[in-house]
Amino acid sequence: MTPCFRSAHLRTVALNRVVVDGMARGPAAGLHALDALAAEPALTNYHLFLSVRGDPLVKLGLYAEAREELQRTLTMTENRREHELLTKKPKLAGSSIE
């Protein structure tokens, strides 16, 4: 396993754990757990971290902050399909983030 893959794998696992925690304990708990991970160097500029953070923000009605996270995410991804999905994300959440 190369160090690059290991790093990507670990950040995905950490993010998945926080998502599950947030689903089990609610969006406020999930946001708190995400904020605790925010200082991790491997996650600081990871576009999916910002995208995941946008979900509990929407659920908590913090639309301006969610919009910021999703807009930052869009600027960080070069993958066309990810960009399309991230553009639809606010609409799918039923929020007024546009």
Protein backbone atom coordinates (compact mmCIF):
# COMPACT_ATOMS: atom_id res chain seq x y z
CA MET A 1 0.00 0.00 0.00
CA THR A 2 1.47 3.35 -1.00
CA PRO A 3 1.51 6.23 1.52
CA CYS A 4 -0.79 8.27 -0.74
CA PHE A 5 -3.42 5.52 -0.81
CA ARG A 6 -3.06 4.92 2.92
CA SER A 7 -3.65 8.61 3.64
CA ALA A 8 -6.71 8.74 1.38
CA HIS A 9 -8.03 5.53 2.94
CA LEU A 10 -7.60 6.81 6.50
CA ARG A 11 -9.32 10.11 5.84
CA THR A 12 -12.23 8.29 4.20
CA VAL A 13 -12.57 5.98 7.20
CA ALA A 14 -12.44 8.92 9.63
CA LEU A 15 -15.07 10.78 7.64
CA ASN A 16 -17.33 7.74 7.43
CA ARG A 17 -17.17 7.24 11.19
CA VAL A 18 -18.22 10.82 11.79
CA VAL A 19 -21.08 10.53 9.28
CA VAL A 20 -22.38 7.42 11.06
CA ASP A 21 -22.05 9.17 14.42
CA GLY A 22 -24.03 12.13 13.11
CA MET A 23 -26.72 9.86 11.70
CA ALA A 24 -27.04 8.08 15.03
CA ARG A 25 -26.86 11.10 17.33
CA GLY A 26 -28.20 13.90 15.15
CA PRO A 27 -26.81 16.74 13.02
CA ALA A 28 -25.52 18.82 15.95
CA ALA A 29 -23.45 15.90 17.23
CA GLY A 30 -22.24 15.16 13.71
CA LEU A 31 -21.20 18.77 13.17
CA HIS A 32 -19.38 18.79 16.51
CA ALA A 33 -17.49 15.61 15.54
CA LEU A 34 -16.63 17.07 12.13
CA ASP A 35 -15.35 20.26 13.71
CA ALA A 36 -13.12 18.17 15.98
CA LEU A 37 -11.61 16.57 12.84
CA ALA A 38 -11.15 19.88 11.05
CA ALA A 39 -7.63 20.38 12.44
CA GLU A 40 -6.40 17.10 10.94
CA PRO A 41 -3.91 17.96 8.17
CA ALA A 42 -5.20 15.18 5.89
CA LEU A 43 -8.72 16.67 6.04
CA THR A 44 -8.00 20.40 5.99
CA ASN A 45 -8.20 20.73 2.21
CA TYR A 46 -10.11 17.55 1.42
CA HIS A 47 -13.10 18.54 -0.70
CA LEU A 48 -15.28 15.69 0.54
CA PHE A 49 -14.77 16.81 4.13
CA LEU A 50 -16.28 20.18 3.26
CA SER A 51 -19.12 18.51 1.40
CA VAL A 52 -19.89 16.22 4.32
CA ARG A 53 -19.78 19.19 6.70
CA GLY A 54 -22.42 20.91 4.58
CA ASP A 55 -25.02 18.23 5.34
CA PRO A 56 -25.50 18.81 9.08
CA LEU A 57 -25.32 22.56 8.48
CA VAL A 58 -28.30 22.28 6.12
CA LYS A 59 -30.17 20.06 8.56
CA LEU A 60 -29.57 22.62 11.31
CA GLY A 61 -30.84 25.44 9.07
CA LEU A 62 -27.41 27.09 8.82
CA TYR A 63 -27.79 27.71 5.11
CA ALA A 64 -25.23 30.50 4.67
CA GLU A 65 -22.49 28.44 6.29
CA ALA A 66 -23.53 25.34 4.33
CA ARG A 67 -23.45 27.35 1.10
CA GLU A 68 -19.89 28.47 1.88
CA GLU A 69 -18.74 24.90 2.47
CA LEU A 70 -20.38 23.62 -0.70
CA GLN A 71 -18.99 26.49 -2.78
CA ARG A 72 -15.49 25.80 -1.42
CA THR A 73 -15.99 22.14 -2.28
CA LEU A 74 -16.91 23.01 -5.86
CA THR A 75 -13.71 25.01 -6.29
CA MET A 76 -11.60 22.12 -4.99
CA THR A 77 -12.82 19.31 -7.23
CA GLU A 78 -11.73 18.85 -10.82
CA ASN A 79 -13.84 15.74 -11.33
CA ARG A 80 -16.74 16.67 -13.62
CA ARG A 81 -19.15 14.09 -12.15
CA GLU A 82 -18.40 15.13 -8.57
CA HIS A 83 -18.92 18.74 -9.60
CA GLU A 84 -22.35 17.89 -11.08
CA LEU A 85 -23.40 16.00 -7.94
CA LEU A 86 -22.16 18.73 -5.62
CA THR A 87 -24.02 21.35 -7.63
CA LYS A 88 -27.27 19.40 -7.09
CA LYS A 89 -26.65 18.75 -3.41
CA PRO A 90 -28.38 21.86 -2.00
CA LYS A 91 -31.43 21.21 -4.17
CA LEU A 92 -31.62 17.59 -3.02
CA ALA A 93 -31.49 18.72 0.60
CA GLY A 94 -34.54 20.93 0.01
CA SER A 95 -32.71 23.99 1.24
CA SER A 96 -32.50 27.52 -0.01
CA ILE A 97 -28.72 27.46 -0.48
CA GLU A 98 -28.68 28.40 -4.16
